Structure formats: structure tokens, C-alpha cells
Amino acid sequence: MTTPVMNERPSLDQVVPGEGLAPQKPRAPKPSLTPYLLLLPALLAMLLFVYGPALLSLIGSFFIIPLSKGPWKFAGLDNYESVLGDPLIQQAAWNTLVYSVATIIPSMVLGLLLALLMERVGRMGWLAKTALILPMTANMVAMAVVFKWIFALQGGLANQTLAIVGLAPFNWLEEAETSLPTVILVGLWRATSLCTLLFMAGLTTIPGSIHEATAVEGIRGFAKLRTIILPMLKPTVVFVSVLSITGAAQVFEIVHVMTDGGPLGSSEVAMTAAQRVGFEYFRVGEASAMSFTLIAILLAIGIIGRGRSPKEES
């Protein structure tokens, strides 16, 4: 024998005159600590290995830090003044500027042209795209070792190629006149791959109807690039510019592996100079001041780029 199911009568506050039962409000989920517990190991690792050392380095940039046991001596802004007046660092800053200009502008132009070309390729387009993206995905230390062999004086692929056409070999990496241009060439190879990928992504945001309309109007070639594509790619251009500047200013692996800043500082850049000042000359406070001067410059560039991007999009 089954017992009848008694329906619960609604309370008076649930009844709306003329409408019946009032809609039930969804209950807010109870706060849970599980997400925070899952994030805790990563947060602790970042605090221990990223933010903690960064804060310690910032504090150390205002002190003279003896490597032997002893108290830190407050130096104020002396480390920053020493950095700005050091001939080695001035040369490194100039080389970084030359490297940036020589890699950023050509890589953006080549990246845009290659991205436009990739839109026109046929069935074998995937192969060309893979070849263009590989430099960006490859380990830069390993690639620097390969290029160091390519430009080696004895047995290098570059000099062997010159010998085939009857030209004398060059000492690409150990001559002051050729060391920085050689490093720039490798940096351009890497940066062009990144710019190509980003511009390919940017081109996909242009609606197909735009291309159809320009074809109907007879707008093609450079006129289409100047009047249609570039204006619509302005947010992408700003993003690529900021990313390229920050990447060029922080170049380290290529220079460190291929030339180690030599000869005579001809290929020294900001990051290799900071590493040399801190770990070879043991002027840790000045090395920290160099690092945070570079960080301040890059933050300023990023803020300017972020401020410009929404205006371009609007």
C-alpha cells in the first residue's frame, strides 16, 4: 500500500496576487577555498622565484652590495649615475639602439609582405607557413650555436659559400666591423618570423566582404594595401611594434652565444652588459640599476603603445 504524496502548500510570501507563485531567486553558490588552494603552489613559486628576487633587486639598486659578508651601504642614486656615465654601458646602449632599429623596421615590413603572400599561396601554403613559423618556435640558444658555426672563420658555411664564388673569407664574429651586423642578421631572421605570424593573425580579422568590395571597385595592389589593409591593421601594427621593441631591447642569447659582446664591446648590448657588470665585475648594485632602468624604459613604451591602441581601434 502506497502512501499518498502530500504537496507542500506555498507560503504566503511566495504567492503574488493575480500571478500565482513568485519566481524563486537562484541561490548564490557558497564560497569555496578550493580554487585558491589550487592556485597557491603557483602563487608561492612566483613569489619565491619572480616577485621576491625582483623586489630584492630593486632595493639593491640603491645600495653598494659587497659579495663578501658585510652590510649593504646605501648609495642612493649613485648606482644610476654610474650606469649613465660608464663608457661600457653607453656603448651597450648605442648597440642596443642600432640593433633595435635594424631589426624592428625591416622585420615588420618583411613580416607584413610575407603575411600578405601567405594569403595567396595554394595547396602547399601549409608548408611555407611552417617554414616561416619555425624560427620563432626554435630554441634560440640552439639556433645561436648553429649560426655561430655558419659564420665561423674556419669551416663555416658562409665562408665556404664565399669560397665557391671566389671571394675571400670574412671573420664575421671576431671583427668589430662585422660582429654587430652579423648578430643583427640573425635577430632579423628571428623577428621576421614573429611579425609574420602576428600579421597573419591580424589579416584574418579583415572581413571577406571587404575584399569582395575592393575587388568590385577595382582597388588592388598597393592602393588596396595603403587605403584598406593598413588602416584596418593599425591595432595589430601597434601591438607588433611594442612587442618588437621590447624583444629587441632584451636581446641576450644571440649575442651571448655568438660573440659574448666582443670584440672590444663592439656587439655588447644592454642585457649582456648588465650580466657582465653583475657577474664578472661584481658590481651588483649597478647591474640592478641597469636592469631597472631598462625595465622603466620598456614600461614607458608599453604604456604609450597601450594608450594609442584603443584610439586606433576606435
C-alpha atoms as a PDB file:
ATOM      1  CA  MET A   1       0.000   0.000   0.000  1.00  0.00           C
ATOM      2  CA  THR A   2       1.487   3.309  -1.096  1.00  0.00           C
ATOM      3  CA  THR A   3       1.171   6.448   0.928  1.00  0.00           C
ATOM      4  CA  PRO A   4      -0.109   9.474  -0.949  1.00  0.00           C
ATOM      5  CA  VAL A   5       2.400  12.247  -1.638  1.00  0.00           C
ATOM      6  CA  MET A   6       1.347  15.408   0.088  1.00  0.00           C
ATOM      7  CA  ASN A   7       2.172  18.574  -1.888  1.00  0.00           C
ATOM      8  CA  GLU A   8       3.640  21.314   0.236  1.00  0.00           C
ATOM      9  CA  ARG A   9       1.463  24.373   0.372  1.00  0.00           C
ATOM     10  CA  PRO A  10       3.289  27.547  -0.714  1.00  0.00           C
ATOM     11  CA  SER A  11       3.853  30.154   1.919  1.00  0.00           C
ATOM     12  CA  LEU A  12       2.095  33.499   1.681  1.00  0.00           C
ATOM     13  CA  ASP A  13       5.289  35.361   0.731  1.00  0.00           C
ATOM     14  CA  GLN A  14       5.631  33.114  -2.338  1.00  0.00           C
ATOM     15  CA  VAL A  15       2.204  33.962  -3.690  1.00  0.00           C
ATOM     16  CA  VAL A  16       1.776  37.049  -5.860  1.00  0.00           C
ATOM     17  CA  PRO A  17      -1.845  38.182  -6.228  1.00  0.00           C
ATOM     18  CA  GLY A  18      -3.048  37.524  -9.763  1.00  0.00           C
ATOM     19  CA  GLU A  19       0.171  35.752 -10.767  1.00  0.00           C
ATOM     20  CA  GLY A  20       0.478  32.728  -8.571  1.00  0.00           C
ATOM     21  CA  LEU A  21       3.854  31.695  -7.188  1.00  0.00           C
ATOM     22  CA  ALA A  22       6.656  34.259  -7.224  1.00  0.00           C
ATOM     23  CA  PRO A  23       9.772  33.200  -9.129  1.00  0.00           C
ATOM     24  CA  GLN A  24      12.430  31.653  -6.954  1.00  0.00           C
ATOM     25  CA  LYS A  25      15.719  33.590  -6.823  1.00  0.00           C
ATOM     26  CA  PRO A  26      18.734  31.411  -7.572  1.00  0.00           C
ATOM     27  CA  ARG A  27      20.813  30.769  -4.543  1.00  0.00           C
ATOM     28  CA  ALA A  28      24.317  32.213  -4.624  1.00  0.00           C
ATOM     29  CA  PRO A  29      26.948  29.486  -4.539  1.00  0.00           C
ATOM     30  CA  LYS A  30      28.766  29.105  -1.296  1.00  0.00           C
ATOM     31  CA  PRO A  31      32.334  30.480  -1.401  1.00  0.00           C
ATOM     32  CA  SER A  32      34.886  27.736  -1.744  1.00  0.00           C
ATOM     33  CA  LEU A  33      38.572  27.707  -0.911  1.00  0.00           C
ATOM     34  CA  THR A  34      39.342  25.023  -3.486  1.00  0.00           C
ATOM     35  CA  PRO A  35      40.297  27.403  -6.344  1.00  0.00           C
ATOM     36  CA  TYR A  36      42.624  29.343  -4.054  1.00  0.00           C
ATOM     37  CA  LEU A  37      44.244  26.170  -2.780  1.00  0.00           C
ATOM     38  CA  LEU A  38      44.866  25.039  -6.358  1.00  0.00           C
ATOM     39  CA  LEU A  39      46.450  28.399  -7.206  1.00  0.00           C
ATOM     40  CA  LEU A  40      48.539  28.532  -4.040  1.00  0.00           C
ATOM     41  CA  PRO A  41      51.553  26.477  -5.309  1.00  0.00           C
ATOM     42  CA  ALA A  42      51.874  28.607  -8.450  1.00  0.00           C
ATOM     43  CA  LEU A  43      51.488  31.834  -6.470  1.00  0.00           C
ATOM     44  CA  LEU A  44      54.140  30.734  -3.978  1.00  0.00           C
ATOM     45  CA  ALA A  45      56.514  29.798  -6.816  1.00  0.00           C
ATOM     46  CA  MET A  46      56.010  33.184  -8.490  1.00  0.00           C
ATOM     47  CA  LEU A  47      56.541  34.977  -5.197  1.00  0.00           C
ATOM     48  CA  LEU A  48      59.664  32.990  -4.459  1.00  0.00           C
ATOM     49  CA  PHE A  49      61.300  32.999  -7.900  1.00  0.00           C
ATOM     50  CA  VAL A  50      59.887  36.110  -9.652  1.00  0.00           C
ATOM     51  CA  TYR A  51      58.469  38.847  -7.468  1.00  0.00           C
ATOM     52  CA  GLY A  52      60.734  38.276  -4.471  1.00  0.00           C
ATOM     53  CA  PRO A  53      64.024  38.484  -6.436  1.00  0.00           C
ATOM     54  CA  ALA A  54      62.665  41.427  -8.460  1.00  0.00           C
ATOM     55  CA  LEU A  55      61.851  43.370  -5.289  1.00  0.00           C
ATOM     56  CA  LEU A  56      65.230  42.476  -3.788  1.00  0.00           C
ATOM     57  CA  SER A  57      66.968  43.618  -6.973  1.00  0.00           C
ATOM     58  CA  LEU A  58      65.063  46.917  -6.930  1.00  0.00           C
ATOM     59  CA  ILE A  59      66.120  47.553  -3.340  1.00  0.00           C
ATOM     60  CA  GLY A  60      69.687  46.510  -4.161  1.00  0.00           C
ATOM     61  CA  SER A  61      69.916  49.067  -6.955  1.00  0.00           C
ATOM     62  CA  PHE A  62      70.126  51.773  -4.265  1.00  0.00           C
ATOM     63  CA  PHE A  63      72.921  50.049  -2.325  1.00  0.00           C
ATOM     64  CA  ILE A  64      76.563  49.062  -2.718  1.00  0.00           C
ATOM     65  CA  ILE A  65      76.449  45.323  -2.165  1.00  0.00           C
ATOM     66  CA  PRO A  66      79.670  43.566  -1.091  1.00  0.00           C
ATOM     67  CA  LEU A  67      79.839  39.940  -2.190  1.00  0.00           C
ATOM     68  CA  SER A  68      81.758  39.064   0.972  1.00  0.00           C
ATOM     69  CA  LYS A  69      79.981  39.170   4.293  1.00  0.00           C
ATOM     70  CA  GLY A  70      79.244  42.725   5.259  1.00  0.00           C
ATOM     71  CA  PRO A  71      76.448  45.249   5.485  1.00  0.00           C
ATOM     72  CA  TRP A  72      74.960  46.897   2.426  1.00  0.00           C
ATOM     73  CA  LYS A  73      75.933  50.559   2.093  1.00  0.00           C
ATOM     74  CA  PHE A  74      73.229  52.949   0.997  1.00  0.00           C
ATOM     75  CA  ALA A  75      74.240  54.689  -2.228  1.00  0.00           C
ATOM     76  CA  GLY A  76      71.037  56.486  -3.194  1.00  0.00           C
ATOM     77  CA  LEU A  77      71.089  57.279  -6.911  1.00  0.00           C
ATOM     78  CA  ASP A  78      74.873  56.854  -7.234  1.00  0.00           C
ATOM     79  CA  ASN A  79      74.469  53.485  -8.964  1.00  0.00           C
ATOM     80  CA  TYR A  80      72.157  55.031 -11.561  1.00  0.00           C
ATOM     81  CA  GLU A  81      74.561  57.940 -12.120  1.00  0.00           C
ATOM     82  CA  SER A  82      77.450  55.492 -12.510  1.00  0.00           C
ATOM     83  CA  VAL A  83      75.459  53.459 -15.021  1.00  0.00           C
ATOM     84  CA  LEU A  84      74.664  56.502 -17.146  1.00  0.00           C
ATOM     85  CA  GLY A  85      78.302  57.642 -17.133  1.00  0.00           C
ATOM     86  CA  ASP A  86      80.002  54.279 -17.776  1.00  0.00           C
ATOM     87  CA  PRO A  87      81.548  54.114 -21.312  1.00  0.00           C
ATOM     88  CA  LEU A  88      80.902  50.355 -21.491  1.00  0.00           C
ATOM     89  CA  ILE A  89      77.214  50.844 -20.767  1.00  0.00           C
ATOM     90  CA  GLN A  90      76.975  53.807 -23.129  1.00  0.00           C
ATOM     91  CA  GLN A  91      78.406  51.633 -25.898  1.00  0.00           C
ATOM     92  CA  ALA A  92      75.985  48.842 -24.997  1.00  0.00           C
ATOM     93  CA  ALA A  93      73.065  51.277 -25.070  1.00  0.00           C
ATOM     94  CA  TRP A  94      74.109  52.543 -28.508  1.00  0.00           C
ATOM     95  CA  ASN A  95      74.497  48.989 -29.828  1.00  0.00           C
ATOM     96  CA  THR A  96      71.064  48.101 -28.448  1.00  0.00           C
ATOM     97  CA  LEU A  97      69.560  51.092 -30.245  1.00  0.00           C
ATOM     98  CA  VAL A  98      71.278  50.152 -33.519  1.00  0.00           C
ATOM     99  CA  TYR A  99      70.178  46.523 -33.137  1.00  0.00           C
ATOM    100  CA  SER A 100      66.591  47.583 -32.415  1.00  0.00           C
ATOM    101  CA  VAL A 101      66.306  49.943 -35.386  1.00  0.00           C
ATOM    102  CA  ALA A 102      67.976  47.468 -37.745  1.00  0.00           C
ATOM    103  CA  THR A 103      65.712  44.585 -36.749  1.00  0.00           C
ATOM    104  CA  ILE A 104      62.341  46.134 -35.891  1.00  0.00           C
ATOM    105  CA  ILE A 105      61.582  48.127 -39.042  1.00  0.00           C
ATOM    106  CA  PRO A 106      62.805  45.550 -41.605  1.00  0.00           C
ATOM    107  CA  SER A 107      61.186  42.653 -39.729  1.00  0.00           C
ATOM    108  CA  MET A 108      57.821  44.419 -39.651  1.00  0.00           C
ATOM    109  CA  VAL A 109      57.990  45.252 -43.357  1.00  0.00           C
ATOM    110  CA  LEU A 110      59.102  41.746 -44.311  1.00  0.00           C
ATOM    111  CA  GLY A 111      56.582  40.182 -41.912  1.00  0.00           C
ATOM    112  CA  LEU A 112      53.699  42.102 -43.459  1.00  0.00           C
ATOM    113  CA  LEU A 113      54.787  41.255 -47.010  1.00  0.00           C
ATOM    114  CA  LEU A 114      55.193  37.576 -46.163  1.00  0.00           C
ATOM    115  CA  ALA A 115      51.822  37.508 -44.397  1.00  0.00           C
ATOM    116  CA  LEU A 116      50.174  39.010 -47.488  1.00  0.00           C
ATOM    117  CA  LEU A 117      51.971  36.458 -49.627  1.00  0.00           C
ATOM    118  CA  MET A 118      50.757  33.604 -47.434  1.00  0.00           C
ATOM    119  CA  GLU A 119      47.178  34.645 -48.166  1.00  0.00           C
ATOM    120  CA  ARG A 120      47.747  33.931 -51.862  1.00  0.00           C
ATOM    121  CA  VAL A 121      49.542  30.594 -51.695  1.00  0.00           C
ATOM    122  CA  GLY A 122      47.759  27.450 -52.809  1.00  0.00           C
ATOM    123  CA  ARG A 123      47.765  23.885 -51.544  1.00  0.00           C
ATOM    124  CA  MET A 124      51.392  23.991 -50.395  1.00  0.00           C
ATOM    125  CA  GLY A 125      50.695  27.015 -48.219  1.00  0.00           C
ATOM    126  CA  TRP A 126      50.912  24.991 -45.028  1.00  0.00           C
ATOM    127  CA  LEU A 127      54.491  24.047 -45.858  1.00  0.00           C
ATOM    128  CA  ALA A 128      55.516  27.675 -46.413  1.00  0.00           C
ATOM    129  CA  LYS A 129      53.734  28.761 -43.228  1.00  0.00           C
ATOM    130  CA  THR A 130      55.517  26.061 -41.234  1.00  0.00           C
ATOM    131  CA  ALA A 131      58.887  27.185 -42.596  1.00  0.00           C
ATOM    132  CA  LEU A 132      58.132  30.781 -41.632  1.00  0.00           C
ATOM    133  CA  ILE A 133      56.967  29.943 -38.120  1.00  0.00           C
ATOM    134  CA  LEU A 134      59.800  27.530 -37.272  1.00  0.00           C
ATOM    135  CA  PRO A 135      62.377  30.267 -36.428  1.00  0.00           C
ATOM    136  CA  MET A 136      60.060  31.621 -33.735  1.00  0.00           C
ATOM    137  CA  THR A 137      59.439  28.236 -32.155  1.00  0.00           C
ATOM    138  CA  ALA A 138      63.061  27.051 -32.251  1.00  0.00           C
ATOM    139  CA  ASN A 139      65.235  27.300 -29.148  1.00  0.00           C
ATOM    140  CA  MET A 140      67.271  30.481 -29.562  1.00  0.00           C
ATOM    141  CA  VAL A 141      70.352  29.167 -27.756  1.00  0.00           C
ATOM    142  CA  ALA A 142      70.492  26.159 -30.071  1.00  0.00           C
ATOM    143  CA  MET A 143      69.944  28.373 -33.116  1.00  0.00           C
ATOM    144  CA  ALA A 144      72.701  30.738 -31.943  1.00  0.00           C
ATOM    145  CA  VAL A 145      75.095  27.790 -31.763  1.00  0.00           C
ATOM    146  CA  VAL A 146      74.130  26.822 -35.321  1.00  0.00           C
ATOM    147  CA  PHE A 147      74.664  30.357 -36.592  1.00  0.00           C
ATOM    148  CA  LYS A 148      77.974  30.579 -34.757  1.00  0.00           C
ATOM    149  CA  TRP A 149      79.110  27.588 -36.821  1.00  0.00           C
ATOM    150  CA  ILE A 150      77.660  29.070 -40.017  1.00  0.00           C
ATOM    151  CA  PHE A 151      79.669  32.291 -39.557  1.00  0.00           C
ATOM    152  CA  ALA A 152      82.823  30.648 -38.197  1.00  0.00           C
ATOM    153  CA  LEU A 153      86.088  31.733 -39.815  1.00  0.00           C
ATOM    154  CA  GLN A 154      87.328  28.182 -40.381  1.00  0.00           C
ATOM    155  CA  GLY A 155      84.878  25.730 -41.900  1.00  0.00           C
ATOM    156  CA  GLY A 156      81.852  27.985 -41.591  1.00  0.00           C
ATOM    157  CA  LEU A 157      79.109  27.591 -44.172  1.00  0.00           C
ATOM    158  CA  ALA A 158      79.126  31.310 -45.022  1.00  0.00           C
ATOM    159  CA  ASN A 159      82.850  31.365 -45.833  1.00  0.00           C
ATOM    160  CA  GLN A 160      82.626  28.089 -47.748  1.00  0.00           C
ATOM    161  CA  THR A 161      79.902  29.654 -49.888  1.00  0.00           C
ATOM    162  CA  LEU A 162      82.090  32.711 -50.493  1.00  0.00           C
ATOM    163  CA  ALA A 163      84.972  30.436 -51.483  1.00  0.00           C
ATOM    164  CA  ILE A 164      82.804  28.793 -54.152  1.00  0.00           C
ATOM    165  CA  VAL A 165      82.296  32.148 -55.881  1.00  0.00           C
ATOM    166  CA  GLY A 166      85.953  33.095 -55.443  1.00  0.00           C
ATOM    167  CA  LEU A 167      85.672  35.598 -52.554  1.00  0.00           C
ATOM    168  CA  ALA A 168      87.988  35.805 -49.556  1.00  0.00           C
ATOM    169  CA  PRO A 169      86.634  34.614 -46.186  1.00  0.00           C
ATOM    170  CA  PHE A 170      85.393  37.062 -43.561  1.00  0.00           C
ATOM    171  CA  ASN A 171      85.973  36.890 -39.833  1.00  0.00           C
ATOM    172  CA  TRP A 172      82.287  37.558 -39.207  1.00  0.00           C
ATOM    173  CA  LEU A 173      82.194  37.242 -35.434  1.00  0.00           C
ATOM    174  CA  GLU A 174      85.641  38.450 -34.371  1.00  0.00           C
ATOM    175  CA  GLU A 175      85.922  41.723 -36.259  1.00  0.00           C
ATOM    176  CA  ALA A 176      84.490  44.908 -34.792  1.00  0.00           C
ATOM    177  CA  GLU A 177      83.090  45.962 -38.181  1.00  0.00           C
ATOM    178  CA  THR A 178      81.126  42.756 -38.803  1.00  0.00           C
ATOM    179  CA  SER A 179      80.230  41.324 -35.383  1.00  0.00           C
ATOM    180  CA  LEU A 180      77.177  43.504 -34.700  1.00  0.00           C
ATOM    181  CA  PRO A 181      75.811  43.327 -38.298  1.00  0.00           C
ATOM    182  CA  THR A 182      76.089  39.526 -38.140  1.00  0.00           C
ATOM    183  CA  VAL A 183      74.152  39.422 -34.883  1.00  0.00           C
ATOM    184  CA  ILE A 184      71.582  41.794 -36.393  1.00  0.00           C
ATOM    185  CA  LEU A 185      71.146  39.443 -39.349  1.00  0.00           C
ATOM    186  CA  VAL A 186      70.312  36.543 -37.025  1.00  0.00           C
ATOM    187  CA  GLY A 187      67.983  38.724 -34.947  1.00  0.00           C
ATOM    188  CA  LEU A 188      66.205  39.843 -38.114  1.00  0.00           C
ATOM    189  CA  TRP A 189      65.697  36.206 -39.113  1.00  0.00           C
ATOM    190  CA  ARG A 190      64.016  35.508 -35.766  1.00  0.00           C
ATOM    191  CA  ALA A 191      61.977  38.721 -35.569  1.00  0.00           C
ATOM    192  CA  THR A 192      60.602  38.373 -39.101  1.00  0.00           C
ATOM    193  CA  SER A 193      59.081  35.024 -38.165  1.00  0.00           C
ATOM    194  CA  LEU A 194      57.245  36.535 -35.196  1.00  0.00           C
ATOM    195  CA  CYS A 195      55.997  39.539 -37.178  1.00  0.00           C
ATOM    196  CA  THR A 196      54.783  37.275 -39.973  1.00  0.00           C
ATOM    197  CA  LEU A 197      52.744  35.174 -37.563  1.00  0.00           C
ATOM    198  CA  LEU A 198      51.173  38.198 -35.879  1.00  0.00           C
ATOM    199  CA  PHE A 199      50.312  39.896 -39.176  1.00  0.00           C
ATOM    200  CA  MET A 200      48.802  36.656 -40.475  1.00  0.00           C
ATOM    201  CA  ALA A 201      46.567  36.638 -37.399  1.00  0.00           C
ATOM    202  CA  GLY A 202      45.720  40.302 -37.959  1.00  0.00           C
ATOM    203  CA  LEU A 203      44.773  39.742 -41.598  1.00  0.00           C
ATOM    204  CA  THR A 204      42.216  37.130 -40.565  1.00  0.00           C
ATOM    205  CA  THR A 205      40.263  39.857 -38.738  1.00  0.00           C
ATOM    206  CA  ILE A 206      39.539  41.684 -42.002  1.00  0.00           C
ATOM    207  CA  PRO A 207      36.079  40.520 -43.195  1.00  0.00           C
ATOM    208  CA  GLY A 208      35.841  38.783 -46.539  1.00  0.00           C
ATOM    209  CA  SER A 209      33.199  41.284 -47.609  1.00  0.00           C
ATOM    210  CA  ILE A 210      35.882  43.984 -47.554  1.00  0.00           C
ATOM    211  CA  HIS A 211      37.999  42.042 -50.048  1.00  0.00           C
ATOM    212  CA  GLU A 212      34.943  41.445 -52.238  1.00  0.00           C
ATOM    213  CA  ALA A 213      34.023  45.130 -52.182  1.00  0.00           C
ATOM    214  CA  THR A 214      37.554  46.222 -53.116  1.00  0.00           C
ATOM    215  CA  ALA A 215      37.590  43.716 -55.972  1.00  0.00           C
ATOM    216  CA  VAL A 216      34.303  45.127 -57.294  1.00  0.00           C
ATOM    217  CA  GLU A 217      35.632  48.683 -57.013  1.00  0.00           C
ATOM    218  CA  GLY A 218      38.843  47.700 -58.777  1.00  0.00           C
ATOM    219  CA  ILE A 219      41.089  48.562 -55.800  1.00  0.00           C
ATOM    220  CA  ARG A 220      44.092  46.256 -55.951  1.00  0.00           C
ATOM    221  CA  GLY A 221      47.787  46.063 -55.185  1.00  0.00           C
ATOM    222  CA  PHE A 222      49.474  48.907 -53.355  1.00  0.00           C
ATOM    223  CA  ALA A 223      46.346  51.068 -53.409  1.00  0.00           C
ATOM    224  CA  LYS A 224      44.436  48.378 -51.501  1.00  0.00           C
ATOM    225  CA  LEU A 225      47.317  47.958 -49.053  1.00  0.00           C
ATOM    226  CA  ARG A 226      47.521  51.708 -48.373  1.00  0.00           C
ATOM    227  CA  THR A 227      43.831  52.588 -48.220  1.00  0.00           C
ATOM    228  CA  ILE A 228      42.194  49.410 -46.878  1.00  0.00           C
ATOM    229  CA  ILE A 229      44.546  46.887 -45.281  1.00  0.00           C
ATOM    230  CA  LEU A 230      46.929  49.120 -43.327  1.00  0.00           C
ATOM    231  CA  PRO A 231      44.176  51.259 -41.730  1.00  0.00           C
ATOM    232  CA  MET A 232      42.366  48.107 -40.607  1.00  0.00           C
ATOM    233  CA  LEU A 233      45.625  46.618 -39.303  1.00  0.00           C
ATOM    234  CA  LYS A 234      46.556  49.627 -37.155  1.00  0.00           C
ATOM    235  CA  PRO A 235      45.816  47.874 -33.813  1.00  0.00           C
ATOM    236  CA  THR A 236      47.929  44.924 -34.953  1.00  0.00           C
ATOM    237  CA  VAL A 237      50.721  47.251 -36.103  1.00  0.00           C
ATOM    238  CA  VAL A 238      50.777  48.965 -32.697  1.00  0.00           C
ATOM    239  CA  PHE A 239      50.856  45.609 -30.906  1.00  0.00           C
ATOM    240  CA  VAL A 240      53.622  44.251 -33.139  1.00  0.00           C
ATOM    241  CA  SER A 241      55.626  47.459 -32.699  1.00  0.00           C
ATOM    242  CA  VAL A 242      55.518  47.316 -28.900  1.00  0.00           C
ATOM    243  CA  LEU A 243      56.298  43.596 -28.851  1.00  0.00           C
ATOM    244  CA  SER A 244      59.200  44.044 -31.286  1.00  0.00           C
ATOM    245  CA  ILE A 245      60.698  46.931 -29.319  1.00  0.00           C
ATOM    246  CA  THR A 246      60.581  45.068 -26.017  1.00  0.00           C
ATOM    247  CA  GLY A 247      62.031  41.947 -27.628  1.00  0.00           C
ATOM    248  CA  ALA A 248      64.874  43.804 -29.341  1.00  0.00           C
ATOM    249  CA  ALA A 249      65.774  45.722 -26.177  1.00  0.00           C
ATOM    250  CA  GLN A 250      66.037  42.456 -24.225  1.00  0.00           C
ATOM    251  CA  VAL A 251      68.159  40.520 -26.735  1.00  0.00           C
ATOM    252  CA  PHE A 252      70.630  38.318 -24.893  1.00  0.00           C
ATOM    253  CA  GLU A 253      71.015  34.727 -26.103  1.00  0.00           C
ATOM    254  CA  ILE A 254      72.153  35.565 -29.645  1.00  0.00           C
ATOM    255  CA  VAL A 255      74.849  37.977 -28.500  1.00  0.00           C
ATOM    256  CA  HIS A 256      75.979  35.920 -25.525  1.00  0.00           C
ATOM    257  CA  VAL A 257      76.429  32.727 -27.531  1.00  0.00           C
ATOM    258  CA  MET A 258      77.741  34.131 -30.812  1.00  0.00           C
ATOM    259  CA  THR A 259      80.083  36.960 -29.750  1.00  0.00           C
ATOM    260  CA  ASP A 260      79.779  37.405 -25.965  1.00  0.00           C
ATOM    261  CA  GLY A 261      79.705  41.140 -26.608  1.00  0.00           C
ATOM    262  CA  GLY A 262      83.062  41.227 -28.368  1.00  0.00           C
ATOM    263  CA  PRO A 263      85.353  42.067 -29.825  1.00  0.00           C
ATOM    264  CA  LEU A 264      86.134  45.076 -27.618  1.00  0.00           C
ATOM    265  CA  GLY A 265      82.467  45.632 -26.829  1.00  0.00           C
ATOM    266  CA  SER A 266      81.523  46.135 -30.481  1.00  0.00           C
ATOM    267  CA  SER A 267      78.475  43.878 -30.124  1.00  0.00           C
ATOM    268  CA  GLU A 268      77.742  44.453 -26.432  1.00  0.00           C
ATOM    269  CA  VAL A 269      74.054  45.108 -25.730  1.00  0.00           C
ATOM    270  CA  ALA A 270      72.159  46.169 -22.628  1.00  0.00           C
ATOM    271  CA  MET A 271      71.406  42.702 -21.257  1.00  0.00           C
ATOM    272  CA  THR A 272      74.892  41.279 -21.826  1.00  0.00           C
ATOM    273  CA  ALA A 273      76.385  44.423 -20.278  1.00  0.00           C
ATOM    274  CA  ALA A 274      74.184  44.011 -17.188  1.00  0.00           C
ATOM    275  CA  GLN A 275      75.230  40.370 -16.920  1.00  0.00           C
ATOM    276  CA  ARG A 276      78.899  41.321 -17.276  1.00  0.00           C
ATOM    277  CA  VAL A 277      78.737  44.135 -14.713  1.00  0.00           C
ATOM    278  CA  GLY A 278      76.946  41.948 -12.190  1.00  0.00           C
ATOM    279  CA  PHE A 279      78.648  38.570 -12.589  1.00  0.00           C
ATOM    280  CA  GLU A 280      82.110  39.443 -13.925  1.00  0.00           C
ATOM    281  CA  TYR A 281      82.838  42.853 -12.391  1.00  0.00           C
ATOM    282  CA  PHE A 282      80.745  42.032  -9.278  1.00  0.00           C
ATOM    283  CA  ARG A 283      79.092  45.468  -9.198  1.00  0.00           C
ATOM    284  CA  VAL A 284      75.738  44.014  -8.258  1.00  0.00           C
ATOM    285  CA  GLY A 285      74.090  47.309  -7.331  1.00  0.00           C
ATOM    286  CA  GLU A 286      74.978  48.861 -10.682  1.00  0.00           C
ATOM    287  CA  ALA A 287      73.751  45.780 -12.541  1.00  0.00           C
ATOM    288  CA  SER A 288      70.415  46.061 -10.725  1.00  0.00           C
ATOM    289  CA  ALA A 289      70.254  49.758 -11.609  1.00  0.00           C
ATOM    290  CA  MET A 290      70.878  48.894 -15.263  1.00  0.00           C
ATOM    291  CA  SER A 291      68.116  46.301 -15.253  1.00  0.00           C
ATOM    292  CA  PHE A 292      65.539  48.593 -13.718  1.00  0.00           C
ATOM    293  CA  THR A 293      66.482  51.477 -15.997  1.00  0.00           C
ATOM    294  CA  LEU A 294      65.746  49.173 -18.935  1.00  0.00           C
ATOM    295  CA  ILE A 295      62.522  47.979 -17.301  1.00  0.00           C
ATOM    296  CA  ALA A 296      61.396  51.595 -16.802  1.00  0.00           C
ATOM    297  CA  ILE A 297      62.044  52.373 -20.483  1.00  0.00           C
ATOM    298  CA  LEU A 298      60.156  49.280 -21.638  1.00  0.00           C
ATOM    299  CA  LEU A 299      57.235  50.014 -19.305  1.00  0.00           C
ATOM    300  CA  ALA A 300      57.019  53.531 -20.695  1.00  0.00           C
ATOM    301  CA  ILE A 301      56.975  52.149 -24.255  1.00  0.00           C
ATOM    302  CA  GLY A 302      54.292  49.627 -23.302  1.00  0.00           C
ATOM    303  CA  ILE A 303      52.124  52.302 -21.656  1.00  0.00           C
ATOM    304  CA  ILE A 304      52.429  54.570 -24.686  1.00  0.00           C
ATOM    305  CA  GLY A 305      51.523  51.702 -27.015  1.00  0.00           C
ATOM    306  CA  ARG A 306      48.579  50.694 -24.830  1.00  0.00           C
ATOM    307  CA  GLY A 307      47.348  54.269 -24.793  1.00  0.00           C
ATOM    308  CA  ARG A 308      47.491  54.529 -28.571  1.00  0.00           C
ATOM    309  CA  SER A 309      45.906  51.180 -29.405  1.00  0.00           C
ATOM    310  CA  PRO A 310      42.291  51.926 -28.300  1.00  0.00           C
ATOM    311  CA  LYS A 311      42.337  55.214 -30.223  1.00  0.00           C
ATOM    312  CA  GLU A 312      43.391  53.384 -33.360  1.00  0.00           C
ATOM    313  CA  GLU A 313      40.674  50.784 -32.866  1.00  0.00           C
ATOM    314  CA  SER A 314      38.015  53.430 -32.417  1.00  0.00           C
END
